[in-house]
Amino acid sequence: MGLLRSIFAVPEEDIIEATDDASLVERSGGQVALVSGEKTNIKLTSPEDIILAEAILLARSDDRSGDYRAVGREVRN
């Protein structure tokens, strides 16, 4: 957590211009590495991402009656 605390201890305009934590790490002189992971480990940044996440959760569910709809979003059956 020390690294994240230090990279966020910059002027707010620097943080606003950053696209993600990795860009802040690189800007502070740190190195970012890519690692293999599960393709369904997605970043939720748009309404469409929520729909994809719901589909992933439903596909993983053994009980197809589970309700994984996003709170506050109208879903039509």
N, C-alpha and C. Protein backbone atom coordinates (compact mmCIF):
# COMPACT_ATOMS: atom_id res chain seq x y z
N MET A 1 0.82 -1.19 0.00
CA MET A 1 0.00 0.00 0.00
C MET A 1 0.86 1.25 0.00
N GLY A 2 2.09 1.14 0.42
CA GLY A 2 2.96 2.31 0.45
C GLY A 2 3.16 2.92 -0.92
N LEU A 3 3.33 2.08 -1.94
CA LEU A 3 3.52 2.57 -3.30
C LEU A 3 2.29 3.33 -3.77
N LEU A 4 1.11 2.75 -3.58
CA LEU A 4 -0.11 3.44 -4.01
C LEU A 4 -0.32 4.74 -3.25
N ARG A 5 -0.04 4.75 -1.98
CA ARG A 5 -0.18 6.00 -1.21
C ARG A 5 0.75 7.07 -1.75
N SER A 6 1.97 6.68 -2.09
CA SER A 6 2.92 7.69 -2.58
C SER A 6 2.55 8.20 -3.97
N ILE A 7 2.06 7.33 -4.84
CA ILE A 7 1.73 7.81 -6.19
C ILE A 7 0.46 8.65 -6.20
N PHE A 8 -0.40 8.47 -5.21
CA PHE A 8 -1.59 9.30 -5.13
C PHE A 8 -1.34 10.59 -4.35
N ALA A 9 -0.15 10.75 -3.81
CA ALA A 9 0.21 11.97 -3.09
C ALA A 9 0.83 12.97 -4.06
N VAL A 10 0.13 13.21 -5.15
CA VAL A 10 0.57 14.15 -6.18
C VAL A 10 -0.56 15.14 -6.40
N PRO A 11 -0.29 16.23 -7.10
CA PRO A 11 -1.37 17.18 -7.38
C PRO A 11 -2.55 16.51 -8.07
N GLU A 12 -3.75 16.96 -7.74
CA GLU A 12 -4.96 16.34 -8.27
C GLU A 12 -4.99 16.33 -9.80
N GLU A 13 -4.46 17.37 -10.43
CA GLU A 13 -4.50 17.39 -11.90
C GLU A 13 -3.67 16.27 -12.51
N ASP A 14 -2.61 15.81 -11.81
CA ASP A 14 -1.83 14.67 -12.30
C ASP A 14 -2.63 13.38 -12.23
N ILE A 15 -3.42 13.25 -11.17
CA ILE A 15 -4.25 12.04 -11.01
C ILE A 15 -5.37 12.04 -12.05
N ILE A 16 -5.98 13.18 -12.28
CA ILE A 16 -7.08 13.27 -13.24
C ILE A 16 -6.63 12.87 -14.64
N GLU A 17 -5.39 13.21 -15.00
CA GLU A 17 -4.87 12.89 -16.32
C GLU A 17 -4.49 11.41 -16.47
N ALA A 18 -4.33 10.71 -15.36
CA ALA A 18 -3.93 9.30 -15.41
C ALA A 18 -5.08 8.44 -15.91
N THR A 19 -4.75 7.41 -16.65
CA THR A 19 -5.78 6.50 -17.15
C THR A 19 -6.08 5.37 -16.16
N ASP A 20 -5.12 5.02 -15.32
CA ASP A 20 -5.30 3.98 -14.31
C ASP A 20 -4.12 4.01 -13.35
N ASP A 21 -4.15 3.11 -12.36
CA ASP A 21 -3.06 3.05 -11.37
C ASP A 21 -1.72 2.75 -12.02
N ALA A 22 -1.73 1.90 -13.05
CA ALA A 22 -0.48 1.53 -13.72
C ALA A 22 0.19 2.76 -14.34
N SER A 23 -0.60 3.65 -14.93
CA SER A 23 0.01 4.84 -15.53
C SER A 23 0.62 5.74 -14.46
N LEU A 24 0.03 5.77 -13.28
CA LEU A 24 0.60 6.55 -12.17
C LEU A 24 1.91 5.93 -11.69
N VAL A 25 1.94 4.59 -11.63
CA VAL A 25 3.18 3.90 -11.21
C VAL A 25 4.29 4.20 -12.20
N GLU A 26 3.99 4.10 -13.49
CA GLU A 26 5.00 4.37 -14.52
C GLU A 26 5.46 5.83 -14.46
N ARG A 27 4.54 6.74 -14.25
CA ARG A 27 4.88 8.16 -14.17
C ARG A 27 5.81 8.45 -12.98
N SER A 28 5.67 7.66 -11.92
CA SER A 28 6.52 7.87 -10.74
C SER A 28 7.85 7.15 -10.85
N GLY A 29 8.10 6.49 -12.00
CA GLY A 29 9.37 5.80 -12.20
C GLY A 29 9.33 4.32 -11.94
N GLY A 30 8.18 3.81 -11.55
CA GLY A 30 8.04 2.38 -11.27
C GLY A 30 7.85 1.58 -12.54
N GLN A 31 7.95 0.28 -12.40
CA GLN A 31 7.75 -0.62 -13.53
C GLN A 31 6.47 -1.41 -13.34
N VAL A 32 5.76 -1.60 -14.43
CA VAL A 32 4.52 -2.35 -14.42
C VAL A 32 4.73 -3.60 -15.24
N ALA A 33 4.26 -4.73 -14.73
CA ALA A 33 4.42 -6.01 -15.43
C ALA A 33 3.05 -6.59 -15.74
N LEU A 34 2.95 -7.24 -16.86
CA LEU A 34 1.74 -7.97 -17.22
C LEU A 34 1.87 -9.40 -16.76
N VAL A 35 0.80 -9.94 -16.22
CA VAL A 35 0.79 -11.33 -15.80
C VAL A 35 -0.42 -12.02 -16.43
N SER A 36 -0.28 -13.29 -16.66
CA SER A 36 -1.40 -14.06 -17.20
C SER A 36 -2.48 -14.17 -16.15
N GLY A 37 -3.70 -14.13 -16.60
CA GLY A 37 -4.81 -14.25 -15.66
C GLY A 37 -6.04 -14.75 -16.37
N GLU A 38 -7.10 -14.82 -15.63
CA GLU A 38 -8.37 -15.29 -16.17
C GLU A 38 -8.99 -14.21 -17.05
N LYS A 39 -9.43 -14.57 -18.22
CA LYS A 39 -9.98 -13.60 -19.17
C LYS A 39 -11.28 -12.97 -18.68
N THR A 40 -11.96 -13.60 -17.74
CA THR A 40 -13.20 -13.04 -17.22
C THR A 40 -12.96 -12.07 -16.07
N ASN A 41 -11.71 -11.83 -15.72
CA ASN A 41 -11.38 -10.84 -14.70
C ASN A 41 -11.33 -9.48 -15.39
N ILE A 42 -12.50 -8.87 -15.55
CA ILE A 42 -12.61 -7.66 -16.36
C ILE A 42 -12.69 -6.41 -15.50
N LYS A 43 -12.33 -5.29 -16.09
CA LYS A 43 -12.44 -3.99 -15.44
C LYS A 43 -13.81 -3.43 -15.79
N LEU A 44 -14.55 -3.00 -14.78
CA LEU A 44 -15.89 -2.47 -14.99
C LEU A 44 -15.82 -0.96 -15.10
N THR A 45 -15.97 -0.45 -16.32
CA THR A 45 -15.85 0.99 -16.54
C THR A 45 -17.02 1.59 -17.31
N SER A 46 -17.90 0.76 -17.82
CA SER A 46 -19.02 1.28 -18.60
C SER A 46 -20.25 0.41 -18.35
N PRO A 47 -21.43 0.92 -18.71
CA PRO A 47 -22.65 0.12 -18.54
C PRO A 47 -22.58 -1.22 -19.27
N GLU A 48 -21.92 -1.25 -20.41
CA GLU A 48 -21.79 -2.50 -21.16
C GLU A 48 -20.96 -3.52 -20.39
N ASP A 49 -19.98 -3.05 -19.62
CA ASP A 49 -19.16 -3.96 -18.81
C ASP A 49 -20.01 -4.64 -17.74
N ILE A 50 -20.98 -3.93 -17.20
CA ILE A 50 -21.87 -4.51 -16.18
C ILE A 50 -22.68 -5.65 -16.81
N ILE A 51 -23.17 -5.45 -18.01
CA ILE A 51 -23.93 -6.49 -18.71
C ILE A 51 -23.06 -7.73 -18.92
N LEU A 52 -21.81 -7.52 -19.33
CA LEU A 52 -20.88 -8.64 -19.53
C LEU A 52 -20.61 -9.34 -18.20
N ALA A 53 -20.40 -8.58 -17.15
CA ALA A 53 -20.15 -9.18 -15.83
C ALA A 53 -21.33 -10.01 -15.36
N GLU A 54 -22.54 -9.51 -15.59
CA GLU A 54 -23.74 -10.27 -15.23
C GLU A 54 -23.80 -11.59 -15.99
N ALA A 55 -23.45 -11.55 -17.27
CA ALA A 55 -23.47 -12.77 -18.09
C ALA A 55 -22.44 -13.77 -17.57
N ILE A 56 -21.28 -13.28 -17.17
CA ILE A 56 -20.24 -14.16 -16.63
C ILE A 56 -20.74 -14.81 -15.34
N LEU A 57 -21.33 -14.01 -14.46
CA LEU A 57 -21.85 -14.56 -13.20
C LEU A 57 -22.95 -15.58 -13.44
N LEU A 58 -23.83 -15.29 -14.36
CA LEU A 58 -24.91 -16.22 -14.66
C LEU A 58 -24.37 -17.53 -15.23
N ALA A 59 -23.38 -17.42 -16.10
CA ALA A 59 -22.79 -18.62 -16.68
C ALA A 59 -22.09 -19.48 -15.63
N ARG A 60 -21.57 -18.86 -14.60
CA ARG A 60 -20.89 -19.59 -13.53
C ARG A 60 -21.84 -20.20 -12.52
N SER A 61 -23.05 -19.73 -12.52
CA SER A 61 -24.02 -20.15 -11.51
C SER A 61 -24.53 -21.56 -11.78
N ASP A 62 -24.55 -22.37 -10.75
CA ASP A 62 -25.15 -23.69 -10.86
C ASP A 62 -26.67 -23.57 -10.79
N ASP A 63 -27.13 -22.57 -10.09
CA ASP A 63 -28.56 -22.33 -9.93
C ASP A 63 -28.96 -21.21 -10.88
N ARG A 64 -29.53 -21.57 -12.01
CA ARG A 64 -29.87 -20.58 -13.05
C ARG A 64 -30.97 -19.62 -12.60
N SER A 65 -31.55 -19.84 -11.41
CA SER A 65 -32.59 -18.93 -10.94
C SER A 65 -31.99 -17.75 -10.18
N GLY A 66 -30.69 -17.72 -9.99
CA GLY A 66 -30.04 -16.61 -9.29
C GLY A 66 -30.25 -15.30 -10.02
N ASP A 67 -30.45 -14.23 -9.28
CA ASP A 67 -30.69 -12.93 -9.88
C ASP A 67 -29.42 -12.09 -9.76
N TYR A 68 -28.71 -11.91 -10.88
CA TYR A 68 -27.46 -11.17 -10.88
C TYR A 68 -27.61 -9.81 -11.56
N ARG A 69 -28.84 -9.33 -11.70
CA ARG A 69 -29.06 -8.05 -12.36
C ARG A 69 -28.50 -6.91 -11.52
N ALA A 70 -27.97 -5.91 -12.20
CA ALA A 70 -27.39 -4.76 -11.51
C ALA A 70 -28.48 -3.99 -10.77
N VAL A 71 -28.17 -3.54 -9.57
CA VAL A 71 -29.11 -2.78 -8.76
C VAL A 71 -29.39 -1.45 -9.46
N GLY A 72 -30.65 -1.09 -9.54
CA GLY A 72 -31.03 0.20 -10.08
C GLY A 72 -31.15 0.25 -11.59
N ARG A 73 -30.85 -0.83 -12.27
CA ARG A 73 -30.94 -0.84 -13.73
C ARG A 73 -32.18 -1.63 -14.12
N GLU A 74 -32.97 -1.07 -14.99
CA GLU A 74 -34.18 -1.74 -15.43
C GLU A 74 -33.82 -2.93 -16.33
N VAL A 75 -34.35 -4.06 -15.99
CA VAL A 75 -34.13 -5.26 -16.78
C VAL A 75 -35.49 -5.80 -17.17
N ARG A 76 -35.70 -6.02 -18.45
CA ARG A 76 -36.98 -6.54 -18.93
C ARG A 76 -36.87 -8.03 -19.18
N ASN A 77 -37.86 -8.75 -18.72
CA ASN A 77 -37.88 -10.21 -18.92
C ASN A 77 -38.57 -10.57 -20.19
